[in-house]
Amino acid sequence: MGGSSREVIAKPSVSLLRMTGCLTSAVDLVSRSLVDHQSRVAYIAYSLSGAMGLPADQRRVILLAGLLHDIGALSLQERLDALVFDSDRGPIERHCVHGYLLLRVFAPFRGVAQIVRHHHTRWDEVGRLVARGLDVPEASHVIHLADRVAVVLGSQKGVLGQAPGVMEGILPERGREFNPDVVDALRELAEKEYFWLEAASPSISRTVVGMPPAGQEELDLDGMLGVAKLFAKVIDFRSSFTATHSWGVAAVAAGMASSVGFSEDECRLMEVAGYLHDVGKLAVPAEILEKPGQLTEEERSVIRAHSYCTYHVLEQMEGLEPLAQWAAFHHERLDGTGYPFHLTRRELPLGSRIMTVADVFTALTEDRPYRGGLRGEEALDIVRRLARERALDPLVVDVLEATYEGLNLARERAQAAASEEYRDLWRAYEEEPAGG
């Protein structure tokens, strides 16, 4: 089809740990004050579990739980509330439940889900919950203490000087807020300088995804799709206006990829890219996403950074570099006027040009704060105009037009399914018992 040839990925795969670690780094984009928090908690929790002598398979689950513990905090305010341990329990309880409900539907994360559900449960509350027939995993107590240490420690200079103060705050809560066995493990680790230096290291994210816990699971395309769909919920469900966007983009992009001759595996990888193309939008405050009026120049600059953030997150998945390009270049234009890299047609892979058309077409059909969604034919007319203006690839737009009926039906079905999942999540949240 002209332009850059597509890159073929032979037997695409990535470890569950690496994919999870890369994508959870995007959750920390919600605020600069949260950078590396997920990885820091994961490292501390994994270290604590080793000092406790827990078996390797349990340590592996704890590492994943540390990376995912705040995944339910879908807004900036909830992310910040999750760090304030002495505040009203409401916001803390809410993000624990959200995380549990998101994670439990993906088989590799079912064990993690229950840990996340209780990662803010105090040690002295366990008896009350057990009396109600609720199980609080030992691993939840590990994450709870690791979370507190990570918040208090931060990533300031002079970390060894901070360590005594951290311990002074933790030790009086042994047997009250924190599990005594976990506190004893921390006391053992606290004597070793490397533990504190590593925990506060600016390269902690790379350290965590490079850890080799026993039984590390390698994801095939089905597994990658499962993780991608989970994170698409985290991305899209932050705003009712975008709650089904990634599903629509994934369906249209995969369908067009099939029409231009991509292999079955490449089409499925394109679907993964569609689910993840807006992962960088986690750095965009919800109030900008849902603003009903015209954006200010400053707000537009925030929006324009999201595709760069997507690239930064996804390029860390070694061996899947084309996936990062397909997903992140969806705001580039053939004439070089797009963003953030200002690539031209010759520099844009075919997969990226497909993703761009899929994103534009899907966005036009959706309700947004400032306009209603367009009917399919109206959206198609605008896409044709953008192709004439050389913003979109005319040959890719020809594919969209030639297969329009099937692609639009696939988009509608995918977005209807996503909408139902969105409703199911909130119904489940309303039914979830408080305090448990």
Foldseek 3Di string as FASTA:
>chain_A
DDFAAADDFPQDWFFPLLLLLLLLQLLQLQDPQSHCLLLLLLLQLLLLCVLLVHDLVVSVLLSSLSSQLQLQQLASVLVVVCLDLPDPCVSVQRSLLSSLLLQCVQVVCVVSSLLSNQLQPFPVCQVVQVVVVDDHDPSSLSSNLSSNLCSQQEQDPPSLVCLVVSLVVPVVCDVPRGDVSSNVSVVVVSVDPVSRCQSNDPCSSVVSSPDDGPPGGMDGLVNLQSVLQSLLCSQQVSDPQRLQQLLLLLLQLLVLCVVVPDDPRVSSLLSSLSSQLQSLCSNQGSCLQQPLDDDDPVNVVSVQCSLVSLLVSPCSRPSPNSSSLLRSLLQEFQCQPGDDPSDHSNPRYPSNLSSNLSNQQSSQQTCGSHGHHDPNVVSLVVSCVCCVVRRGPNVSSVSCVVCVVVSVVSSVVSSVVSVVVSVVSVVVSVVDDPPD
